[in-house]
Structure formats: structure tokens, C-alpha cells
Amino acid sequence: MQEIGSPAGKATEDEVVRERRGALRGRISAAGITVHDILCCEDRTGFVGPGRAEGHTVVLTRSGGYLRRIAGEEFFVDASGGYLTRPGDEQRVAHPIGPGDRSTEIRFDSGLFADRFDGTPPSRRFTVTGATDVRHRALLAAARHGADAFELGERLHRLLDDVAASTGHWRADTASRPGAARAHARLVRDACAVLAGGTPGLRLSLEELARAVGASPHHLSRVFRSVTGTTLTRHRNDLRIRGVLHAFEAGEESLRSLAYVYGFADQAHLTRVCRSRTGSAPSALRSALVNRANRA
């Protein structure tokens, strides 16, 4: 594993991140776009930084979760989506649930960025649909399996189009009073952190989740939907399905075992939720995403 930095080896974002390349062992480069698969090893729970973003990027998270503060906006990032950066953005990062999150950084020029993301809502944080998440993971699988630059370029452009369509899904500020808006954002952030912390959080009841973040179930449910535009149930199901897909990528194949681990009633329940959130059955996604090297 090689630490990401400048050609001379000097860190380019101060101490904001200590990130290392992951399973791709390098980068995809196609159609003027570069992609890094990143495993973050930063383990500090408080914010570190600041650093400055060097380019136009879209970052999609595949597992785990962390806090980001970009250009003064603070939000929690988990496997339901990601965030945007522009050159010069001041950013900080914190890991309240620990290290090990996995993300994909897509970097491209200002023209491609402007075509898709200029004029979007001010929040840098966004969510993506289950189908877009599958397309994201399928891109990485295609790279692992030796797809050529033409195919990867086409996949990248389609993925970015999908992400651009998603950027309005997260609303940063919905309350009329600034103090209430900050409290609501903090409550949503805390709930997201509990759910992103792994299978124990995903197996909590609504009452247990509310108790963990110091709110009533009704208040948490109402605020979460107001701030994010989606329900806690949908968000939780998205994270459970993305956990299953991440397990496929790591070589796990037993749907029965994964149904148990992620708190589904049974394999049929997993299949129904997966079809609902991605449009495909888990067995089909397993075949598409599993690293063939794990099957050799």
C-alpha cells in the first residue's frame, strides 16, 4: 500500500487525511477522469486539518462513515452517498466511529464538473440511489476484471450523470431558526453515525436508535425525514443492502448468512429489499460484483 501524496512524496492535504490506496492498487484513468479506491486509515475522532482540496472531485463512500467539514459545512458521510469538492475548499475530517472506511475518489477537470455540478444546491453532501451504488461498484469490478479504457470511460460518464441527478437529495438546512437547524443537523449526523457503525447499529430497533442519540422515536423520525428527504427505514435498508454488496466484493457468497448478519428476517426478505432498493436480485448482483480472483 502506498500513501497518497505529491510526486515528491509530500502530503498534499496537510494532515486532513492519511489515506492509502486500496484494492485497485493504483488508479483508473479513462476519458480524462482519474479514479482512486481509498481505504482511510485515520483513527482520530476529533477533526484534523485544515487542508485544501486540489481539484474538482466526487467522492462516493462504499463502507463505514466519517465526518467532513468542507467550506464551513459539516456533515456525516456513509455508504448512502458522498460529497463534492472544488479547488481550494478548506476541509477537515473526523472519524467518530473509527477508521477503515472505503471510498472512491473521482477527479476530473473544471469543464466536466461545470457541465454536471455547477448550479446544484449549496450542500456538498449528496445521497445516491441503490441503482447508482450498483453502477459505482460495477465500475470497480470492471476495472478489476480488466475492462479497457473505452468501457471504463463510458461507465464513468454514466455514473457521474447519475450522481449529478442525485445531488439535490440532501438538504443542509430546513428549520426556520438557525439554532434549531443546527440541532436537527446534529441529530441526523448522530443517527447516521450509529447506523454506519456496522451491523450492531443496523440491528437496533427504532426505539433503541432514538435512545442512542437522545431523542424520542417520533422526533428522530420526523427530523430525519425533514433534513434528508428520506425515511429512517429507507436509509437503514440502503445501508444494509450496501453492506451486503460490500461483503460480496470481499468474497462472501452465502445469502443466508448475510441475511442474518444484516438483520433481515430471512433470505427472502433480503431479496425483496434488495430488489426494491437496487432493481436487481442479490444473486445477480453477487455474480456481477464478486472478484473472480476470490473464486479461483
Protein backbone atom coordinates (compact mmCIF):
# COMPACT_ATOMS: atom_id res chain seq x y z
CA MET A 1 0.00 0.00 0.00
CA GLN A 2 1.32 3.44 -0.94
CA GLU A 3 0.47 6.68 0.79
CA ILE A 4 -1.19 9.23 -1.48
CA GLY A 5 0.82 12.40 -1.89
CA SER A 6 2.56 14.62 -4.39
CA PRO A 7 5.16 13.18 -6.83
CA ALA A 8 7.85 14.08 -4.33
CA GLY A 9 6.04 12.20 -1.57
CA LYS A 10 4.93 15.30 0.33
CA ALA A 11 1.35 15.18 1.64
CA THR A 12 -0.95 17.37 -0.43
CA GLU A 13 -3.75 17.91 2.11
CA ASP A 14 -1.69 18.55 5.25
CA GLU A 15 -2.87 16.11 7.93
CA VAL A 16 -6.54 16.12 6.92
CA VAL A 17 -6.26 12.54 5.71
CA ARG A 18 -3.80 9.69 5.92
CA GLU A 19 -5.30 7.62 3.18
CA ARG A 20 -3.88 4.62 1.36
CA ARG A 21 -4.75 3.09 -1.95
CA GLY A 22 -6.92 0.05 -1.64
CA ALA A 23 -7.78 -2.99 -3.69
CA LEU A 24 -7.25 -1.41 -7.12
CA ARG A 25 -3.58 -0.86 -6.20
CA GLY A 26 -3.47 2.34 -8.21
CA ARG A 27 -5.93 4.28 -10.28
CA ILE A 28 -8.32 4.05 -13.17
CA SER A 29 -7.60 6.66 -15.83
CA ALA A 30 -10.08 6.97 -18.68
CA ALA A 31 -11.80 9.72 -20.68
CA GLY A 32 -9.83 12.42 -18.86
CA ILE A 33 -11.04 11.19 -15.47
CA THR A 34 -9.00 9.53 -12.72
CA VAL A 35 -10.37 7.26 -10.01
CA HIS A 36 -8.73 6.13 -6.78
CA ASP A 37 -10.02 3.39 -4.48
CA ILE A 38 -9.21 4.69 -1.00
CA LEU A 39 -9.01 2.95 2.37
CA CYS A 40 -8.77 5.62 5.07
CA CYS A 41 -6.51 4.78 8.00
CA GLU A 42 -7.11 7.95 10.01
CA ASP A 43 -8.18 6.98 13.52
CA ARG A 44 -8.73 10.29 15.34
CA THR A 45 -12.27 11.03 16.49
CA GLY A 46 -11.81 14.82 16.53
CA PHE A 47 -11.41 17.00 13.46
CA VAL A 48 -7.93 17.22 11.95
CA GLY A 49 -6.75 19.73 9.41
CA PRO A 50 -7.36 22.03 7.78
CA GLY A 51 -6.32 21.04 4.30
CA ARG A 52 -7.19 22.36 0.87
CA ALA A 53 -8.86 20.40 -1.91
CA GLU A 54 -6.68 20.43 -5.00
CA GLY A 55 -9.24 19.59 -7.66
CA HIS A 56 -12.81 19.01 -8.71
CA THR A 57 -13.81 15.68 -7.18
CA VAL A 58 -16.76 13.46 -6.48
CA VAL A 59 -16.19 11.09 -3.56
CA LEU A 60 -18.50 8.08 -3.14
CA THR A 61 -18.38 6.07 0.07
CA ARG A 62 -18.74 2.28 -0.08
CA SER A 63 -18.44 1.29 3.59
CA GLY A 64 -18.00 2.83 7.03
CA GLY A 65 -18.55 6.50 7.73
CA TYR A 66 -16.87 9.75 8.81
CA LEU A 67 -17.46 13.44 9.44
CA ARG A 68 -16.45 16.02 6.85
CA ARG A 69 -16.33 19.79 7.17
CA ILE A 70 -15.98 21.43 3.76
CA ALA A 71 -16.10 25.20 3.23
CA GLY A 72 -17.82 25.56 6.60
CA GLU A 73 -20.49 22.89 6.00
CA GLU A 74 -20.36 19.89 8.35
CA PHE A 75 -22.00 16.55 7.55
CA PHE A 76 -21.70 12.81 8.10
CA VAL A 77 -20.79 10.68 5.08
CA ASP A 78 -21.73 7.00 4.87
CA ALA A 79 -22.38 4.39 2.20
CA SER A 80 -25.61 6.09 1.16
CA GLY A 81 -23.72 8.73 -0.81
CA GLY A 82 -20.74 11.06 -0.79
CA TYR A 83 -19.66 14.66 -1.35
CA LEU A 84 -18.23 17.15 -3.85
CA THR A 85 -15.10 19.31 -3.63
CA ARG A 86 -13.89 22.28 -5.63
CA PRO A 87 -10.26 23.51 -5.81
CA GLY A 88 -9.29 25.47 -2.73
CA ASP A 89 -12.08 24.18 -0.49
CA GLU A 90 -10.95 24.11 3.12
CA GLN A 91 -11.75 20.70 4.55
CA ARG A 92 -11.38 18.76 7.77
CA VAL A 93 -12.17 15.15 8.63
CA ALA A 94 -13.04 13.23 11.81
CA HIS A 95 -13.70 9.55 12.47
CA PRO A 96 -16.10 9.25 15.42
CA ILE A 97 -16.80 5.56 14.64
CA GLY A 98 -13.19 4.64 13.92
CA PRO A 99 -11.04 4.05 10.82
CA GLY A 100 -11.41 1.69 7.87
CA ASP A 101 -13.99 3.47 5.71
CA ARG A 102 -13.72 2.75 1.99
CA SER A 103 -14.34 5.41 -0.67
CA THR A 104 -13.90 6.08 -4.36
CA GLU A 105 -12.45 9.45 -5.39
CA ILE A 106 -13.30 10.57 -8.94
CA ARG A 107 -11.28 13.57 -10.14
CA PHE A 108 -11.91 15.44 -13.38
CA ASP A 109 -11.44 18.84 -14.98
CA SER A 110 -13.42 22.01 -14.41
CA GLY A 111 -15.34 21.72 -17.68
CA LEU A 112 -16.72 18.27 -16.91
CA PHE A 113 -17.51 19.37 -13.36
CA ALA A 114 -19.33 22.51 -14.52
CA ASP A 115 -21.42 20.55 -17.02
CA ARG A 116 -22.85 18.42 -14.24
CA PHE A 117 -22.49 20.14 -10.87
CA ASP A 118 -22.40 23.93 -11.21
CA GLY A 119 -25.71 25.42 -10.16
CA THR A 120 -26.55 22.47 -7.87
CA PRO A 121 -27.79 23.04 -4.29
CA PRO A 122 -25.15 24.51 -1.96
CA SER A 123 -24.74 21.36 0.13
CA ARG A 124 -21.63 19.39 -0.79
CA ARG A 125 -23.14 16.22 0.64
CA PHE A 126 -25.43 14.08 -1.53
CA THR A 127 -27.18 10.71 -1.49
CA VAL A 128 -27.37 8.22 -4.35
CA THR A 129 -29.94 5.62 -5.31
CA GLY A 130 -29.36 1.91 -4.95
CA ALA A 131 -29.09 1.58 -8.72
CA THR A 132 -26.34 4.26 -8.80
CA ASP A 133 -24.49 2.49 -6.00
CA VAL A 134 -24.59 -0.75 -8.01
CA ARG A 135 -23.28 1.12 -11.07
CA HIS A 136 -20.45 2.52 -8.93
CA ARG A 137 -19.44 -0.90 -7.64
CA ALA A 138 -19.79 -2.45 -11.10
CA LEU A 139 -17.30 0.12 -12.44
CA LEU A 140 -14.72 -1.00 -9.88
CA ALA A 141 -15.44 -4.66 -10.63
CA ALA A 142 -14.97 -4.00 -14.35
CA ALA A 143 -11.59 -2.39 -13.63
CA ARG A 144 -10.51 -5.36 -11.51
CA HIS A 145 -11.55 -7.72 -14.29
CA GLY A 146 -9.52 -5.93 -16.96
CA ALA A 147 -12.05 -3.79 -18.86
CA ASP A 148 -10.42 -1.46 -21.40
CA ALA A 149 -10.29 2.33 -21.17
CA PHE A 150 -13.17 2.79 -23.63
CA GLU A 151 -15.59 0.77 -21.50
CA LEU A 152 -14.38 2.33 -18.25
CA GLY A 153 -14.76 5.82 -19.70
CA GLU A 154 -18.34 5.15 -20.73
CA ARG A 155 -19.13 3.66 -17.32
CA LEU A 156 -17.59 6.69 -15.60
CA HIS A 157 -19.62 9.21 -17.56
CA ARG A 158 -22.84 7.33 -16.88
CA LEU A 159 -22.00 7.12 -13.18
CA LEU A 160 -21.30 10.87 -13.00
CA ASP A 161 -24.58 11.62 -14.77
CA ASP A 162 -26.39 9.54 -12.14
CA VAL A 163 -24.57 11.28 -9.29
CA ALA A 164 -25.39 14.69 -10.73
CA ALA A 165 -29.07 13.73 -10.76
CA SER A 166 -28.78 12.87 -7.04
CA THR A 167 -27.09 15.99 -5.72
CA GLY A 168 -30.31 17.68 -4.64
CA HIS A 169 -31.39 14.78 -2.42
CA TRP A 170 -29.76 16.06 0.79
CA ARG A 171 -30.97 19.31 2.32
CA ALA A 172 -28.49 21.02 4.59
CA ASP A 173 -30.82 23.37 6.44
CA THR A 174 -34.57 23.05 6.87
CA ALA A 175 -35.50 24.78 10.13
CA SER A 176 -36.50 28.45 10.22
CA ARG A 177 -34.31 29.21 13.24
CA PRO A 178 -30.53 28.71 12.84
CA GLY A 179 -30.23 27.12 16.28
CA ALA A 180 -32.95 24.58 15.50
CA ALA A 181 -31.38 23.84 12.11
CA ARG A 182 -28.04 23.12 13.76
CA ALA A 183 -29.68 20.87 16.35
CA HIS A 184 -31.56 18.98 13.64
CA ALA A 185 -28.41 18.54 11.56
CA ARG A 186 -26.55 17.26 14.62
CA LEU A 187 -29.31 14.76 15.44
CA VAL A 188 -29.28 13.40 11.88
CA ARG A 189 -25.49 13.22 11.92
CA ASP A 190 -25.52 11.25 15.18
CA ALA A 191 -28.17 8.82 13.91
CA CYS A 192 -26.22 8.28 10.69
CA ALA A 193 -23.06 7.58 12.69
CA VAL A 194 -24.81 4.92 14.79
CA LEU A 195 -26.20 3.20 11.69
CA ALA A 196 -22.87 3.42 9.84
CA GLY A 197 -21.00 1.84 12.73
CA GLY A 198 -21.63 -1.69 11.47
CA THR A 199 -24.14 -4.45 11.96
CA PRO A 200 -24.83 -3.75 15.67
CA GLY A 201 -26.25 -0.34 14.75
CA LEU A 202 -28.18 -1.70 11.78
CA ARG A 203 -29.87 -4.31 14.00
CA LEU A 204 -31.19 -1.74 16.53
CA SER A 205 -34.91 -1.12 16.87
CA LEU A 206 -36.22 2.40 16.23
CA GLU A 207 -36.63 2.89 19.97
CA GLU A 208 -33.04 1.76 20.64
CA LEU A 209 -31.66 4.03 17.91
CA ALA A 210 -33.60 7.00 19.28
CA ARG A 211 -32.34 6.28 22.79
CA ALA A 212 -28.76 6.10 21.49
CA VAL A 213 -28.99 9.65 20.10
CA GLY A 214 -31.04 11.13 22.94
CA ALA A 215 -34.34 11.69 21.15
CA SER A 216 -37.82 10.25 21.04
CA PRO A 217 -38.59 7.89 18.13
CA HIS A 218 -41.21 10.32 16.80
CA HIS A 219 -38.88 13.35 16.90
CA LEU A 220 -35.97 11.45 15.35
CA SER A 221 -38.14 10.06 12.57
CA ARG A 222 -39.68 13.45 11.78
CA VAL A 223 -36.39 15.38 11.82
CA PHE A 224 -34.55 12.76 9.79
CA ARG A 225 -37.13 12.91 7.02
CA SER A 226 -37.25 16.72 7.11
CA VAL A 227 -33.47 17.10 6.80
CA THR A 228 -32.66 14.26 4.39
CA GLY A 229 -35.82 13.89 2.35
CA THR A 230 -35.99 10.18 3.08
CA THR A 231 -37.18 7.98 5.95
CA LEU A 232 -35.04 6.22 8.51
CA THR A 233 -36.35 2.89 7.22
CA ARG A 234 -35.22 3.61 3.67
CA HIS A 235 -31.84 4.89 4.85
CA ARG A 236 -31.30 1.86 7.07
CA ASN A 237 -32.28 -0.52 4.27
CA ASP A 238 -29.92 1.24 1.87
CA LEU A 239 -27.04 0.78 4.33
CA ARG A 240 -27.95 -2.87 4.94
CA ILE A 241 -28.01 -3.63 1.21
CA ARG A 242 -24.75 -1.77 0.64
CA GLY A 243 -23.20 -3.77 3.44
CA VAL A 244 -24.27 -6.93 1.64
CA LEU A 245 -22.77 -5.68 -1.64
CA HIS A 246 -19.51 -4.79 0.13
CA ALA A 247 -19.44 -8.31 1.56
CA PHE A 248 -19.89 -9.72 -1.98
CA GLU A 249 -16.88 -7.68 -3.10
CA ALA A 250 -14.87 -9.20 -0.25
CA GLY A 251 -15.78 -12.72 -1.42
CA GLU A 252 -18.75 -13.62 0.81
CA GLU A 253 -21.33 -15.60 -1.16
CA SER A 254 -23.86 -17.01 1.33
CA LEU A 255 -27.10 -15.06 1.10
CA ARG A 256 -28.48 -16.88 4.13
CA SER A 257 -25.50 -15.82 6.27
CA LEU A 258 -25.66 -12.22 5.05
CA ALA A 259 -29.39 -12.04 5.71
CA TYR A 260 -28.71 -12.99 9.32
CA VAL A 261 -25.72 -10.67 9.75
CA TYR A 262 -27.59 -7.61 8.45
CA GLY A 263 -30.77 -8.25 10.39
CA PHE A 264 -33.15 -9.41 7.67
CA ALA A 265 -35.87 -11.82 8.67
CA ASP A 266 -34.63 -14.40 6.18
CA GLN A 267 -33.09 -14.73 2.72
CA ALA A 268 -36.42 -13.95 1.04
CA HIS A 269 -36.66 -10.70 3.00
CA LEU A 270 -33.13 -9.74 1.89
CA THR A 271 -34.11 -10.48 -1.72
CA ARG A 272 -37.26 -8.35 -1.54
CA VAL A 273 -35.46 -5.36 -0.04
CA CYS A 274 -32.56 -5.68 -2.46
CA ARG A 275 -34.91 -5.72 -5.46
CA SER A 276 -36.76 -2.73 -4.05
CA ARG A 277 -33.63 -0.63 -3.43
CA THR A 278 -31.47 -1.64 -6.45
CA GLY A 279 -33.83 -3.15 -9.02
CA SER A 280 -31.91 -6.44 -9.01
CA ALA A 281 -31.85 -9.67 -7.02
CA PRO A 282 -28.87 -10.18 -4.69
CA SER A 283 -27.84 -13.35 -6.54
CA ALA A 284 -27.48 -11.35 -9.79
CA LEU A 285 -25.50 -8.62 -8.03
CA ARG A 286 -23.26 -11.21 -6.39
CA SER A 287 -22.38 -12.62 -9.82
CA ALA A 288 -21.68 -9.15 -11.20
CA LEU A 289 -19.60 -7.82 -8.31
CA VAL A 290 -17.65 -10.72 -6.88
CA ASN A 291 -13.94 -10.52 -7.52
CA ARG A 292 -13.18 -13.51 -9.73
CA ALA A 293 -9.80 -13.80 -8.06
CA ASN A 294 -11.61 -14.87 -4.90
CA ARG A 295 -13.28 -17.68 -6.81
CA ALA A 296 -10.12 -19.09 -8.36
